[in-house]
Amino acid sequence: MASFENHPLAVGDRVPYFIAAGVLKEPRQLEPFIQTEDPSLLPLLTLGTFTWPVSPGNASDEHPVDFIYYDDLQMAGNARGLPGGGVEAMRALRPTIRSLSEIGAKTVVSVTNLPHEKAIDVIPNLVEEAAALEPTAIEVNLSCPNGRKPDGSLHEPVCNNSEASAEVMGASRERLGPGICLGAKDAPHVTSVRERVNVPAVSRLIVAINPLINFLTGINTIGGQPFPEITSTGGKGGMSGPVVVDIAHQWLHAARANAAPHVAILSCGGVDSRNLAVELPLRQKLGALLVGGNQEFYRSAQPHVVAQQWAQIMG
């Protein structure tokens, strides 16, 4: 197995976990992490995902519900639609990222395009802006729907097209040069939790972008699943939570089998504090450098407290 001792995202003796994209987007959310008493217990923090223009997301006054969690099913439904303050909000994180770096915390800035935009037209510009903030790494989210068809339905995410993914990542790498840590986020490559991961699709993507990346994050949610309570998108959303854990395992196995030796894997999808003690060593055995999550942090008013709980479990 490849050694990642000198990889930019390696944590050494610190706890090997991360908060995935979608939780932390504003300086006020990160202040408690800066004030932590023991920085060695901090996770790798993914900031964003950021888009270029301001994005209101899918929720509205008329249809406000864009997230649901069923505790009995250990399943979350997400149709938030990348709400955020755009590139200006990302730029505003520069002092916060600097403060986190000063205490030894590592950060990843995540970027993507909105459905009406072409990824190749937007993402390289966002990557260049993100690099100016001097985070530890930059993540390109290839796993969200990235364009609308004439009938209003969404195109498949960029990660389903290996050639388009290689074009986007190649243009991004060209903007950054070889010295900046760049990664991509992948989808689960299933259309329901009852399927098996499309291993050839995972393989095609990773082989295409291996020369261009330093790390790969997966999985994102299983898109287009029925959640009747989610009114903002007519009862559809992306599925996450422990219910998707087997899909995450399948993807991780396929990803490690196809990733180049220099490409680290950040494994998320299905992890929370109830199964972390099992999932951490299992995913490390399957080849993950770090193990992370999103929805448990998102559901908490104090994600830094959830991070402390994860650190205790891992410790």
Protein backbone atom coordinates (compact mmCIF):
# COMPACT_ATOMS: atom_id res chain seq x y z
CA MET A 1 0.00 0.00 0.00
CA ALA A 2 1.22 3.50 -0.84
CA SER A 3 2.64 5.67 1.91
CA PHE A 4 1.13 9.13 2.35
CA GLU A 5 3.41 10.27 5.16
CA ASN A 6 4.44 13.38 3.20
CA HIS A 7 1.10 14.04 1.53
CA PRO A 8 -0.21 17.59 2.17
CA LEU A 9 -3.37 16.15 3.76
CA ALA A 10 -1.58 13.68 6.03
CA VAL A 11 -2.27 14.42 9.69
CA GLY A 12 0.64 12.57 11.31
CA ASP A 13 -0.20 11.69 14.90
CA ARG A 14 -3.43 13.74 14.84
CA VAL A 15 -6.86 12.17 14.55
CA PRO A 16 -7.46 11.15 10.90
CA TYR A 17 -10.85 12.69 10.19
CA PHE A 18 -12.43 15.51 8.21
CA ILE A 19 -15.64 17.48 7.91
CA ALA A 20 -16.90 17.17 4.35
CA ALA A 21 -18.21 20.02 2.21
CA GLY A 22 -21.57 21.63 2.86
CA VAL A 23 -21.29 22.51 6.55
CA LEU A 24 -18.76 25.35 6.94
CA LYS A 25 -18.99 28.45 4.76
CA GLU A 26 -18.70 31.50 7.03
CA PRO A 27 -16.02 32.86 9.41
CA ARG A 28 -18.43 32.78 12.37
CA GLN A 29 -18.85 29.02 11.93
CA LEU A 30 -15.09 28.52 12.09
CA GLU A 31 -14.32 30.73 15.07
CA PRO A 32 -14.96 27.93 17.62
CA PHE A 33 -12.42 25.75 15.81
CA ILE A 34 -9.83 28.54 16.00
CA GLN A 35 -10.45 28.85 19.75
CA THR A 36 -10.07 25.15 20.47
CA GLU A 37 -7.90 24.29 23.46
CA ASP A 38 -6.19 21.37 21.74
CA PRO A 39 -5.58 21.97 18.01
CA SER A 40 -4.22 18.45 17.64
CA LEU A 41 -7.81 17.20 17.87
CA LEU A 42 -9.08 19.38 15.02
CA PRO A 43 -10.37 17.71 11.86
CA LEU A 44 -9.41 18.65 8.36
CA LEU A 45 -12.00 21.32 7.54
CA THR A 46 -13.65 21.47 4.13
CA LEU A 47 -14.97 24.97 3.42
CA GLY A 48 -17.81 25.42 0.94
CA THR A 49 -18.82 24.20 -1.58
CA PHE A 50 -18.56 27.67 -3.18
CA THR A 51 -20.00 28.79 -6.50
CA TRP A 52 -19.05 31.93 -8.44
CA PRO A 53 -22.33 33.89 -8.15
CA VAL A 54 -24.41 34.18 -5.01
CA SER A 55 -26.76 31.20 -4.88
CA PRO A 56 -30.06 31.25 -2.96
CA GLY A 57 -30.34 27.47 -2.97
CA ASN A 58 -33.61 25.65 -3.44
CA ALA A 59 -35.51 26.69 -0.33
CA SER A 60 -38.10 29.46 -0.60
CA ASP A 61 -40.70 31.09 1.64
CA GLU A 62 -43.37 29.00 -0.04
CA HIS A 63 -41.36 25.76 0.05
CA PRO A 64 -38.80 26.07 2.86
CA VAL A 65 -37.90 22.43 3.54
CA ASP A 66 -34.61 21.45 1.87
CA PHE A 67 -33.28 18.91 4.40
CA ILE A 68 -34.77 16.05 6.40
CA TYR A 69 -33.32 13.42 8.73
CA TYR A 70 -35.05 10.19 9.77
CA ASP A 71 -33.34 9.03 12.95
CA ASP A 72 -35.05 5.64 12.91
CA LEU A 73 -33.76 4.98 9.39
CA GLN A 74 -30.40 6.75 9.94
CA MET A 75 -31.05 8.50 6.65
CA ALA A 76 -30.83 12.13 5.56
CA GLY A 77 -32.37 13.82 2.54
CA ASN A 78 -30.63 16.89 1.14
CA ALA A 79 -31.92 19.28 -1.54
CA ARG A 80 -30.22 22.46 -0.40
CA GLY A 81 -28.96 23.38 -3.85
CA LEU A 82 -25.60 24.95 -2.92
CA PRO A 83 -26.82 28.08 -1.11
CA GLY A 84 -24.06 30.57 -0.43
CA GLY A 85 -22.52 33.94 -0.94
CA GLY A 86 -20.51 33.09 -4.03
CA VAL A 87 -16.92 34.01 -4.70
CA GLU A 88 -17.08 37.05 -2.41
CA ALA A 89 -17.99 34.82 0.53
CA MET A 90 -15.11 32.55 -0.36
CA ARG A 91 -12.69 35.50 -0.52
CA ALA A 92 -13.92 36.64 2.90
CA LEU A 93 -12.45 33.47 4.43
CA ARG A 94 -8.85 34.51 3.78
CA PRO A 95 -8.16 35.80 7.37
CA THR A 96 -9.95 32.79 8.87
CA ILE A 97 -7.93 30.32 6.81
CA ARG A 98 -4.76 32.12 7.87
CA SER A 99 -5.77 31.89 11.55
CA LEU A 100 -6.53 28.18 11.19
CA SER A 101 -3.17 27.59 9.51
CA GLU A 102 -1.39 29.37 12.35
CA ILE A 103 -2.72 26.83 14.86
CA GLY A 104 -1.87 23.92 12.59
CA ALA A 105 -5.36 23.22 11.26
CA LYS A 106 -5.66 22.06 7.66
CA THR A 107 -8.30 23.40 5.29
CA VAL A 108 -9.75 22.41 1.94
CA VAL A 109 -11.71 24.93 -0.14
CA SER A 110 -14.38 23.20 -2.23
CA VAL A 111 -15.74 24.74 -5.45
CA THR A 112 -18.24 23.86 -8.17
CA ASN A 113 -20.53 25.38 -10.79
CA LEU A 114 -24.27 26.01 -10.72
CA PRO A 115 -26.71 24.10 -12.96
CA HIS A 116 -26.98 26.86 -15.58
CA GLU A 117 -23.19 27.11 -15.96
CA LYS A 118 -20.70 24.99 -17.86
CA ALA A 119 -18.12 23.52 -15.52
CA ILE A 120 -15.19 24.28 -17.81
CA ASP A 121 -16.20 27.96 -17.97
CA VAL A 122 -16.42 28.45 -14.22
CA ILE A 123 -14.41 25.96 -12.18
CA PRO A 124 -10.88 26.93 -13.29
CA ASN A 125 -11.62 30.53 -12.30
CA LEU A 126 -12.92 29.41 -8.92
CA VAL A 127 -9.89 27.20 -8.38
CA GLU A 128 -7.60 30.14 -9.04
CA GLU A 129 -9.54 32.29 -6.58
CA ALA A 130 -9.43 29.53 -3.97
CA ALA A 131 -5.65 29.18 -4.34
CA ALA A 132 -5.23 32.86 -3.47
CA LEU A 133 -6.64 32.09 -0.01
CA GLU A 134 -3.73 29.69 0.65
CA PRO A 135 -5.67 26.72 2.03
CA THR A 136 -4.03 23.34 2.42
CA ALA A 137 -5.85 22.03 -0.64
CA ILE A 138 -8.58 22.73 -3.17
CA GLU A 139 -11.41 20.32 -3.99
CA VAL A 140 -13.39 20.43 -7.23
CA ASN A 141 -16.86 19.01 -6.70
CA LEU A 142 -17.55 17.07 -9.89
CA SER A 143 -20.45 15.19 -8.34
CA CYS A 144 -23.34 17.68 -8.45
CA PRO A 145 -25.77 18.00 -11.41
CA ASN A 146 -24.15 20.62 -13.61
CA GLY A 147 -26.59 21.69 -16.30
CA ARG A 148 -30.23 21.65 -17.36
CA LYS A 149 -31.70 19.98 -20.42
CA PRO A 150 -34.33 21.77 -22.55
CA ASP A 151 -37.10 20.00 -20.62
CA GLY A 152 -35.78 21.41 -17.34
CA SER A 153 -34.35 18.15 -16.02
CA LEU A 154 -30.77 18.04 -14.80
CA HIS A 155 -27.87 16.62 -16.74
CA GLU A 156 -25.80 13.94 -15.07
CA PRO A 157 -22.93 15.24 -12.94
CA VAL A 158 -19.59 15.93 -14.60
CA CYS A 159 -18.00 12.95 -12.85
CA ASN A 160 -20.14 10.65 -14.99
CA ASN A 161 -18.22 11.87 -18.04
CA SER A 162 -14.53 11.02 -17.68
CA GLU A 163 -13.48 13.16 -20.65
CA ALA A 164 -15.30 16.25 -19.36
CA SER A 165 -13.88 15.63 -15.89
CA ALA A 166 -10.35 15.41 -17.26
CA GLU A 167 -10.91 18.66 -19.19
CA VAL A 168 -12.08 20.50 -16.06
CA MET A 169 -9.34 19.11 -13.84
CA GLY A 170 -6.70 19.69 -16.53
CA ALA A 171 -7.69 23.34 -16.89
CA SER A 172 -7.71 23.69 -13.11
CA ARG A 173 -4.27 22.14 -12.76
CA GLU A 174 -2.96 24.43 -15.48
CA ARG A 175 -4.14 27.45 -13.48
CA LEU A 176 -2.53 26.19 -10.28
CA GLY A 177 0.69 24.66 -11.47
CA PRO A 178 2.12 21.44 -10.00
CA GLY A 179 2.77 22.61 -6.45
CA ILE A 180 -0.77 23.09 -5.10
CA CYS A 181 -2.74 20.17 -3.64
CA LEU A 182 -5.78 19.63 -5.88
CA GLY A 183 -8.51 17.03 -5.60
CA ALA A 184 -11.91 16.04 -6.91
CA LYS A 185 -15.12 14.86 -5.29
CA ASP A 186 -16.93 11.92 -6.84
CA ALA A 187 -20.53 10.70 -6.83
CA PRO A 188 -21.52 7.22 -5.63
CA HIS A 189 -22.33 6.04 -9.18
CA VAL A 190 -25.63 4.45 -8.21
CA THR A 191 -29.22 5.60 -8.67
CA SER A 192 -30.52 3.96 -5.48
CA VAL A 193 -29.18 2.50 -2.26
CA ARG A 194 -30.25 -0.95 -3.45
CA GLU A 195 -27.82 -0.98 -6.39
CA ARG A 196 -24.19 -1.94 -6.65
CA VAL A 197 -21.66 0.80 -7.42
CA ASN A 198 -20.86 1.08 -11.12
CA VAL A 199 -17.20 0.13 -10.77
CA PRO A 200 -16.32 0.67 -14.46
CA ALA A 201 -17.64 4.24 -14.20
CA VAL A 202 -15.52 4.88 -11.09
CA SER A 203 -12.51 3.39 -12.85
CA ARG A 204 -12.96 5.51 -16.00
CA LEU A 205 -13.16 8.71 -13.99
CA ILE A 206 -10.16 8.02 -11.77
CA VAL A 207 -7.90 6.78 -14.55
CA ALA A 208 -8.73 9.93 -16.53
CA ILE A 209 -7.90 12.36 -13.73
CA ASN A 210 -5.12 10.47 -11.87
CA PRO A 211 -2.32 12.58 -13.41
CA LEU A 212 -4.09 15.81 -12.44
CA ILE A 213 -5.02 15.30 -8.78
CA ASN A 214 -3.48 14.72 -5.38
CA PHE A 215 -6.59 13.41 -3.65
CA LEU A 216 -10.10 12.10 -4.27
CA THR A 217 -13.12 12.53 -2.00
CA GLY A 218 -16.15 10.25 -2.05
CA ILE A 219 -18.97 9.71 -1.83
CA ASN A 220 -21.47 12.50 -2.35
CA THR A 221 -25.15 11.80 -1.76
CA ILE A 222 -27.23 9.39 -3.84
CA GLY A 223 -29.16 11.91 -5.90
CA GLY A 224 -32.80 12.01 -6.93
CA GLN A 225 -34.22 9.93 -4.07
CA PRO A 226 -37.83 10.30 -2.79
CA PHE A 227 -38.24 12.45 0.31
CA PRO A 228 -41.87 13.61 0.49
CA GLU A 229 -41.13 16.17 3.23
CA ILE A 230 -38.65 18.05 1.03
CA THR A 231 -40.98 20.62 -0.48
CA SER A 232 -38.29 22.80 -2.07
CA THR A 233 -37.68 20.32 -4.89
CA GLY A 234 -40.99 18.49 -5.12
CA GLY A 235 -40.11 15.62 -2.85
CA LYS A 236 -36.68 14.68 -4.23
CA GLY A 237 -33.23 14.92 -2.67
CA GLY A 238 -29.83 13.35 -2.20
CA MET A 239 -29.64 10.46 0.26
CA SER A 240 -26.94 10.24 2.92
CA GLY A 241 -26.46 8.97 6.47
CA PRO A 242 -25.51 5.49 7.71
CA VAL A 243 -28.05 3.96 5.32
CA VAL A 244 -25.53 4.50 2.47
CA VAL A 245 -22.55 2.96 4.27
CA ASP A 246 -22.33 -0.12 2.04
CA ILE A 247 -22.32 2.07 -1.08
CA ALA A 248 -19.47 4.11 0.43
CA HIS A 249 -17.49 0.92 1.09
CA GLN A 250 -17.98 -0.28 -2.48
CA TRP A 251 -16.89 3.07 -3.90
CA LEU A 252 -13.84 3.22 -1.63
CA HIS A 253 -12.71 -0.24 -2.68
CA ALA A 254 -13.06 0.67 -6.36
CA ALA A 255 -11.41 4.06 -5.89
CA ARG A 256 -8.35 2.70 -4.13
CA ALA A 257 -7.98 -0.03 -6.74
CA ASN A 258 -7.83 2.55 -9.53
CA ALA A 259 -6.22 5.59 -7.89
CA ALA A 260 -2.56 6.25 -8.63
CA PRO A 261 -0.12 5.69 -5.75
CA HIS A 262 0.19 9.44 -5.11
CA VAL A 263 -3.60 9.99 -4.87
CA ALA A 264 -4.94 9.99 -1.31
CA ILE A 265 -8.57 9.10 -0.68
CA LEU A 266 -10.86 10.93 1.73
CA SER A 267 -13.75 8.61 2.51
CA CYS A 268 -17.15 9.95 3.55
CA GLY A 269 -20.73 8.78 3.20
CA GLY A 270 -22.55 6.92 5.95
CA VAL A 271 -20.29 7.87 8.86
CA ASP A 272 -21.57 9.31 12.13
CA SER A 273 -20.68 9.11 15.81
CA ARG A 274 -22.67 5.90 16.26
CA ASN A 275 -20.61 3.86 13.79
CA LEU A 276 -17.35 5.83 13.71
CA ALA A 277 -15.45 3.38 15.93
CA VAL A 278 -16.11 0.65 13.35
CA GLU A 279 -15.96 2.74 10.19
CA LEU A 280 -12.62 4.44 10.89
CA PRO A 281 -10.41 1.31 11.03
CA LEU A 282 -12.43 -0.40 8.30
CA ARG A 283 -12.06 2.46 5.84
CA GLN A 284 -8.40 2.89 6.69
CA LYS A 285 -7.96 -0.81 5.90
CA LEU A 286 -9.72 -0.23 2.58
CA GLY A 287 -7.20 2.50 1.78
CA ALA A 288 -8.64 5.78 3.05
CA LEU A 289 -6.21 8.41 4.34
CA LEU A 290 -8.95 10.26 6.23
CA VAL A 291 -12.52 9.39 7.20
CA GLY A 292 -15.20 12.06 7.35
CA GLY A 293 -18.82 13.08 7.38
CA ASN A 294 -21.27 15.87 6.76
CA GLN A 295 -24.88 15.43 7.80
CA GLU A 296 -24.27 14.92 11.53
CA PHE A 297 -22.23 18.13 11.60
CA TYR A 298 -24.84 19.96 9.51
CA ARG A 299 -27.66 18.93 11.84
CA SER A 300 -25.82 20.31 14.86
CA ALA A 301 -25.93 23.95 15.92
CA GLN A 302 -22.37 23.41 17.19
CA PRO A 303 -20.39 21.36 14.68
CA HIS A 304 -17.20 21.93 16.64
CA VAL A 305 -18.77 20.00 19.53
CA VAL A 306 -19.56 17.10 17.21
CA ALA A 307 -15.93 17.26 16.07
CA GLN A 308 -14.81 16.96 19.69
CA GLN A 309 -17.02 13.90 20.09
CA TRP A 310 -15.52 12.31 16.99
CA ALA A 311 -12.01 13.02 18.26
CA GLN A 312 -12.82 11.35 21.56
CA ILE A 313 -14.17 8.27 19.81
CA MET A 314 -11.09 8.07 17.62
CA GLY A 315 -8.71 8.72 20.48
